[in-house]
Amino acid sequence: MAHTFSELVIEGVLVAPFVTYLLAALVVVLVLRPILHLVGFAKMFGRAPIAELSLYVTILCLLMLLF
């Protein structure tokens, strides 16, 4: 069955659902960053910013699949 996406309306401007997912993924990553810092996430990877970007993309994809 097809899933219909509802657009977000901000002051009469329709915002695509993808933008909502982008912002939600950003919030999740910003909440996780202090936890990842405590765990030593940056020390596990040679290029920590690329690992964080990959984590962001993974969370974005999960949000799109689940909602």
PDB file of N, CA and C in Angstrom:
ATOM      1  N   MET A   1       0.842  -1.171   0.000  1.00  0.00           N
ATOM      2  CA  MET A   1       0.000   0.000   0.000  1.00  0.00           C
ATOM      3  C   MET A   1       0.887   1.233   0.000  1.00  0.00           C
ATOM      4  N   ALA A   2       0.504   2.231  -0.751  1.00  0.00           N
ATOM      5  CA  ALA A   2       1.294   3.455  -0.869  1.00  0.00           C
ATOM      6  C   ALA A   2       1.114   4.314   0.375  1.00  0.00           C
ATOM      7  N   HIS A   3       2.200   4.912   0.789  1.00  0.00           N
ATOM      8  CA  HIS A   3       2.181   5.799   1.952  1.00  0.00           C
ATOM      9  C   HIS A   3       2.089   7.230   1.453  1.00  0.00           C
ATOM     10  N   THR A   4       1.091   7.965   1.897  1.00  0.00           N
ATOM     11  CA  THR A   4       0.956   9.351   1.471  1.00  0.00           C
ATOM     12  C   THR A   4       1.640  10.255   2.483  1.00  0.00           C
ATOM     13  N   PHE A   5       2.452  11.146   1.991  1.00  0.00           N
ATOM     14  CA  PHE A   5       3.185  12.056   2.850  1.00  0.00           C
ATOM     15  C   PHE A   5       2.411  13.356   2.983  1.00  0.00           C
ATOM     16  N   SER A   6       2.345  13.858   4.184  1.00  0.00           N
ATOM     17  CA  SER A   6       1.697  15.144   4.387  1.00  0.00           C
ATOM     18  C   SER A   6       2.769  16.226   4.411  1.00  0.00           C
ATOM     19  N   GLU A   7       2.495  17.298   3.693  1.00  0.00           N
ATOM     20  CA  GLU A   7       3.451  18.384   3.639  1.00  0.00           C
ATOM     21  C   GLU A   7       3.343  19.233   4.899  1.00  0.00           C
ATOM     22  N   LEU A   8       4.439  19.821   5.272  1.00  0.00           N
ATOM     23  CA  LEU A   8       4.472  20.749   6.388  1.00  0.00           C
ATOM     24  C   LEU A   8       4.209  22.141   5.834  1.00  0.00           C
ATOM     25  N   VAL A   9       3.292  22.880   6.432  1.00  0.00           N
ATOM     26  CA  VAL A   9       2.948  24.220   5.960  1.00  0.00           C
ATOM     27  C   VAL A   9       3.461  25.231   6.984  1.00  0.00           C
ATOM     28  N   ILE A  10       4.370  26.102   6.537  1.00  0.00           N
ATOM     29  CA  ILE A  10       4.910  27.161   7.394  1.00  0.00           C
ATOM     30  C   ILE A  10       4.575  28.492   6.749  1.00  0.00           C
ATOM     31  N   GLU A  11       3.645  29.220   7.365  1.00  0.00           N
ATOM     32  CA  GLU A  11       3.186  30.527   6.883  1.00  0.00           C
ATOM     33  C   GLU A  11       2.771  30.484   5.419  1.00  0.00           C
ATOM     34  N   GLY A  12       2.027  29.458   5.051  1.00  0.00           N
ATOM     35  CA  GLY A  12       1.518  29.352   3.698  1.00  0.00           C
ATOM     36  C   GLY A  12       2.475  28.743   2.690  1.00  0.00           C
ATOM     37  N   VAL A  13       3.683  28.388   3.115  1.00  0.00           N
ATOM     38  CA  VAL A  13       4.662  27.786   2.217  1.00  0.00           C
ATOM     39  C   VAL A  13       4.709  26.287   2.486  1.00  0.00           C
ATOM     40  N   LEU A  14       4.516  25.508   1.430  1.00  0.00           N
ATOM     41  CA  LEU A  14       4.567  24.051   1.573  1.00  0.00           C
ATOM     42  C   LEU A  14       6.022  23.596   1.614  1.00  0.00           C
ATOM     43  N   VAL A  15       6.357  22.818   2.615  1.00  0.00           N
ATOM     44  CA  VAL A  15       7.701  22.280   2.764  1.00  0.00           C
ATOM     45  C   VAL A  15       7.624  20.783   2.480  1.00  0.00           C
ATOM     46  N   ALA A  16       8.494  20.309   1.621  1.00  0.00           N
ATOM     47  CA  ALA A  16       8.489  18.897   1.246  1.00  0.00           C
ATOM     48  C   ALA A  16       8.781  18.013   2.460  1.00  0.00           C
ATOM     49  N   PRO A  17       8.240  16.811   2.481  1.00  0.00           N
ATOM     50  CA  PRO A  17       8.500  15.893   3.600  1.00  0.00           C
ATOM     51  C   PRO A  17       9.986  15.580   3.766  1.00  0.00           C
ATOM     52  N   PHE A  18      10.744  15.600   2.658  1.00  0.00           N
ATOM     53  CA  PHE A  18      12.173  15.312   2.747  1.00  0.00           C
ATOM     54  C   PHE A  18      12.890  16.336   3.623  1.00  0.00           C
ATOM     55  N   VAL A  19      12.477  17.591   3.550  1.00  0.00           N
ATOM     56  CA  VAL A  19      13.091  18.629   4.385  1.00  0.00           C
ATOM     57  C   VAL A  19      12.802  18.361   5.853  1.00  0.00           C
ATOM     58  N   THR A  20      11.606  17.890   6.145  1.00  0.00           N
ATOM     59  CA  THR A  20      11.260  17.535   7.521  1.00  0.00           C
ATOM     60  C   THR A  20      12.143  16.396   8.016  1.00  0.00           C
ATOM     61  N   TYR A  21      12.374  15.399   7.152  1.00  0.00           N
ATOM     62  CA  TYR A  21      13.261  14.295   7.520  1.00  0.00           C
ATOM     63  C   TYR A  21      14.691  14.773   7.723  1.00  0.00           C
ATOM     64  N   LEU A  22      15.149  15.710   6.888  1.00  0.00           N
ATOM     65  CA  LEU A  22      16.499  16.253   7.052  1.00  0.00           C
ATOM     66  C   LEU A  22      16.664  16.912   8.419  1.00  0.00           C
ATOM     67  N   LEU A  23      15.680  17.713   8.798  1.00  0.00           N
ATOM     68  CA  LEU A  23      15.751  18.401  10.090  1.00  0.00           C
ATOM     69  C   LEU A  23      15.650  17.420  11.259  1.00  0.00           C
ATOM     70  N   ALA A  24      14.792  16.416  11.129  1.00  0.00           N
ATOM     71  CA  ALA A  24      14.663  15.422  12.202  1.00  0.00           C
ATOM     72  C   ALA A  24      15.957  14.628  12.366  1.00  0.00           C
ATOM     73  N   ALA A  25      16.588  14.260  11.262  1.00  0.00           N
ATOM     74  CA  ALA A  25      17.856  13.530  11.336  1.00  0.00           C
ATOM     75  C   ALA A  25      18.941  14.402  11.953  1.00  0.00           C
ATOM     76  N   LEU A  26      18.927  15.688  11.631  1.00  0.00           N
ATOM     77  CA  LEU A  26      19.910  16.604  12.213  1.00  0.00           C
ATOM     78  C   LEU A  26      19.732  16.707  13.724  1.00  0.00           C
ATOM     79  N   VAL A  27      18.500  16.765  14.180  1.00  0.00           N
ATOM     80  CA  VAL A  27      18.233  16.824  15.619  1.00  0.00           C
ATOM     81  C   VAL A  27      18.719  15.553  16.305  1.00  0.00           C
ATOM     82  N   VAL A  28      18.461  14.404  15.699  1.00  0.00           N
ATOM     83  CA  VAL A  28      18.897  13.131  16.282  1.00  0.00           C
ATOM     84  C   VAL A  28      20.417  13.073  16.375  1.00  0.00           C
ATOM     85  N   VAL A  29      21.101  13.497  15.326  1.00  0.00           N
ATOM     86  CA  VAL A  29      22.569  13.474  15.331  1.00  0.00           C
ATOM     87  C   VAL A  29      23.122  14.454  16.365  1.00  0.00           C
ATOM     88  N   LEU A  30      22.510  15.623  16.482  1.00  0.00           N
ATOM     89  CA  LEU A  30      22.978  16.590  17.482  1.00  0.00           C
ATOM     90  C   LEU A  30      22.774  16.089  18.906  1.00  0.00           C
ATOM     91  N   VAL A  31      21.737  15.317  19.127  1.00  0.00           N
ATOM     92  CA  VAL A  31      21.518  14.719  20.454  1.00  0.00           C
ATOM     93  C   VAL A  31      22.524  13.599  20.704  1.00  0.00           C
ATOM     94  N   LEU A  32      22.873  12.848  19.659  1.00  0.00           N
ATOM     95  CA  LEU A  32      23.807  11.733  19.814  1.00  0.00           C
ATOM     96  C   LEU A  32      25.272  12.159  19.928  1.00  0.00           C
ATOM     97  N   ARG A  33      25.623  13.332  19.446  1.00  0.00           N
ATOM     98  CA  ARG A  33      27.036  13.741  19.425  1.00  0.00           C
ATOM     99  C   ARG A  33      27.713  13.720  20.789  1.00  0.00           C
ATOM    100  N   PRO A  34      27.089  14.256  21.860  1.00  0.00           N
ATOM    101  CA  PRO A  34      27.763  14.157  23.169  1.00  0.00           C
ATOM    102  C   PRO A  34      27.967  12.714  23.628  1.00  0.00           C
ATOM    103  N   ILE A  35      27.004  11.853  23.328  1.00  0.00           N
ATOM    104  CA  ILE A  35      27.135  10.440  23.698  1.00  0.00           C
ATOM    105  C   ILE A  35      28.271   9.796  22.916  1.00  0.00           C
ATOM    106  N   LEU A  36      28.353  10.113  21.633  1.00  0.00           N
ATOM    107  CA  LEU A  36      29.427   9.568  20.801  1.00  0.00           C
ATOM    108  C   LEU A  36      30.792  10.078  21.253  1.00  0.00           C
ATOM    109  N   HIS A  37      30.835  11.312  21.729  1.00  0.00           N
ATOM    110  CA  HIS A  37      32.095  11.862  22.229  1.00  0.00           C
ATOM    111  C   HIS A  37      32.550  11.107  23.485  1.00  0.00           C
ATOM    112  N   LEU A  38      31.598  10.775  24.351  1.00  0.00           N
ATOM    113  CA  LEU A  38      31.941  10.028  25.573  1.00  0.00           C
ATOM    114  C   LEU A  38      32.418   8.613  25.256  1.00  0.00           C
ATOM    115  N   VAL A  39      31.844   8.015  24.231  1.00  0.00           N
ATOM    116  CA  VAL A  39      32.204   6.651  23.853  1.00  0.00           C
ATOM    117  C   VAL A  39      33.558   6.613  23.140  1.00  0.00           C
ATOM    118  N   GLY A  40      33.967   7.728  22.562  1.00  0.00           N
ATOM    119  CA  GLY A  40      35.223   7.765  21.818  1.00  0.00           C
ATOM    120  C   GLY A  40      35.027   7.432  20.348  1.00  0.00           C
ATOM    121  N   PHE A  41      33.920   7.881  19.795  1.00  0.00           N
ATOM    122  CA  PHE A  41      33.567   7.600  18.406  1.00  0.00           C
ATOM    123  C   PHE A  41      34.628   8.127  17.443  1.00  0.00           C
ATOM    124  N   ALA A  42      35.158   9.310  17.695  1.00  0.00           N
ATOM    125  CA  ALA A  42      36.136   9.922  16.786  1.00  0.00           C
ATOM    126  C   ALA A  42      37.450   9.139  16.759  1.00  0.00           C
ATOM    127  N   LYS A  43      37.785   8.486  17.857  1.00  0.00           N
ATOM    128  CA  LYS A  43      39.041   7.733  17.924  1.00  0.00           C
ATOM    129  C   LYS A  43      38.968   6.412  17.160  1.00  0.00           C
ATOM    130  N   MET A  44      37.751   5.940  16.884  1.00  0.00           N
ATOM    131  CA  MET A  44      37.575   4.672  16.182  1.00  0.00           C
ATOM    132  C   MET A  44      37.802   4.782  14.681  1.00  0.00           C
ATOM    133  N   PHE A  45      37.732   5.987  14.159  1.00  0.00           N
ATOM    134  CA  PHE A  45      37.805   6.184  12.716  1.00  0.00           C
ATOM    135  C   PHE A  45      38.943   7.137  12.370  1.00  0.00           C
ATOM    136  N   GLY A  46      39.526   6.919  11.216  1.00  0.00           N
ATOM    137  CA  GLY A  46      40.598   7.788  10.751  1.00  0.00           C
ATOM    138  C   GLY A  46      40.084   9.149  10.315  1.00  0.00           C
ATOM    139  N   ARG A  47      38.901   9.163   9.739  1.00  0.00           N
ATOM    140  CA  ARG A  47      38.258  10.406   9.293  1.00  0.00           C
ATOM    141  C   ARG A  47      36.928  10.534  10.023  1.00  0.00           C
ATOM    142  N   ALA A  48      36.945  11.138  11.198  1.00  0.00           N
ATOM    143  CA  ALA A  48      35.753  11.233  12.039  1.00  0.00           C
ATOM    144  C   ALA A  48      34.618  12.029  11.382  1.00  0.00           C
ATOM    145  N   PRO A  49      34.908  13.142  10.671  1.00  0.00           N
ATOM    146  CA  PRO A  49      33.790  13.859  10.035  1.00  0.00           C
ATOM    147  C   PRO A  49      33.055  13.022   8.986  1.00  0.00           C
ATOM    148  N   ILE A  50      33.779  12.186   8.257  1.00  0.00           N
ATOM    149  CA  ILE A  50      33.133  11.332   7.264  1.00  0.00           C
ATOM    150  C   ILE A  50      32.292  10.269   7.968  1.00  0.00           C
ATOM    151  N   ALA A  51      32.752   9.780   9.089  1.00  0.00           N
ATOM    152  CA  ALA A  51      31.979   8.800   9.856  1.00  0.00           C
ATOM    153  C   ALA A  51      30.700   9.439  10.408  1.00  0.00           C
ATOM    154  N   GLU A  52      30.790  10.685  10.866  1.00  0.00           N
ATOM    155  CA  GLU A  52      29.605  11.379  11.357  1.00  0.00           C
ATOM    156  C   GLU A  52      28.625  11.655  10.222  1.00  0.00           C
ATOM    157  N   LEU A  53      29.135  12.005   9.057  1.00  0.00           N
ATOM    158  CA  LEU A  53      28.266  12.218   7.896  1.00  0.00           C
ATOM    159  C   LEU A  53      27.572  10.919   7.510  1.00  0.00           C
ATOM    160  N   SER A  54      28.293   9.818   7.559  1.00  0.00           N
ATOM    161  CA  SER A  54      27.702   8.516   7.253  1.00  0.00           C
ATOM    162  C   SER A  54      26.623   8.161   8.268  1.00  0.00           C
ATOM    163  N   LEU A  55      26.846   8.479   9.520  1.00  0.00           N
ATOM    164  CA  LEU A  55      25.844   8.247  10.556  1.00  0.00           C
ATOM    165  C   LEU A  55      24.599   9.088  10.286  1.00  0.00           C
ATOM    166  N   TYR A  56      24.797  10.346   9.878  1.00  0.00           N
ATOM    167  CA  TYR A  56      23.676  11.229   9.545  1.00  0.00           C
ATOM    168  C   TYR A  56      22.859  10.656   8.385  1.00  0.00           C
ATOM    169  N   VAL A  57      23.533  10.215   7.343  1.00  0.00           N
ATOM    170  CA  VAL A  57      22.836   9.653   6.177  1.00  0.00           C
ATOM    171  C   VAL A  57      22.101   8.378   6.573  1.00  0.00           C
ATOM    172  N   THR A  58      22.694   7.566   7.417  1.00  0.00           N
ATOM    173  CA  THR A  58      22.037   6.339   7.873  1.00  0.00           C
ATOM    174  C   THR A  58      20.775   6.653   8.664  1.00  0.00           C
ATOM    175  N   ILE A  59      20.853   7.622   9.553  1.00  0.00           N
ATOM    176  CA  ILE A  59      19.680   8.016  10.339  1.00  0.00           C
ATOM    177  C   ILE A  59      18.610   8.612   9.426  1.00  0.00           C
ATOM    178  N   LEU A  60      19.025   9.403   8.449  1.00  0.00           N
ATOM    179  CA  LEU A  60      18.070   9.977   7.495  1.00  0.00           C
ATOM    180  C   LEU A  60      17.354   8.873   6.723  1.00  0.00           C
ATOM    181  N   CYS A  61      18.088   7.886   6.266  1.00  0.00           N
ATOM    182  CA  CYS A  61      17.468   6.778   5.536  1.00  0.00           C
ATOM    183  C   CYS A  61      16.520   5.975   6.418  1.00  0.00           C
ATOM    184  N   LEU A  62      16.908   5.755   7.658  1.00  0.00           N
ATOM    185  CA  LEU A  62      16.027   5.026   8.568  1.00  0.00           C
ATOM    186  C   LEU A  62      14.739   5.793   8.827  1.00  0.00           C
ATOM    187  N   LEU A  63      14.842   7.102   8.980  1.00  0.00           N
ATOM    188  CA  LEU A  63      13.641   7.902   9.188  1.00  0.00           C
ATOM    189  C   LEU A  63      12.714   7.837   7.975  1.00  0.00           C
ATOM    190  N   MET A  64      13.297   7.891   6.787  1.00  0.00           N
ATOM    191  CA  MET A  64      12.482   7.831   5.575  1.00  0.00           C
ATOM    192  C   MET A  64      11.821   6.461   5.418  1.00  0.00           C
ATOM    193  N   LEU A  65      12.519   5.401   5.805  1.00  0.00           N
ATOM    194  CA  LEU A  65      11.940   4.067   5.677  1.00  0.00           C
ATOM    195  C   LEU A  65      10.854   3.797   6.717  1.00  0.00           C
ATOM    196  N   LEU A  66      11.064   4.289   7.926  1.00  0.00           N
ATOM    197  CA  LEU A  66      10.135   3.982   9.010  1.00  0.00           C
ATOM    198  C   LEU A  66       8.913   4.874   9.037  1.00  0.00           C
ATOM    199  N   PHE A  67       9.048   6.114   8.572  1.00  0.00           N
ATOM    200  CA  PHE A  67       7.907   7.043   8.633  1.00  0.00           C
ATOM    201  C   PHE A  67       7.507   7.403   7.253  1.00  0.00           C
TER     202      PHE A  67
END
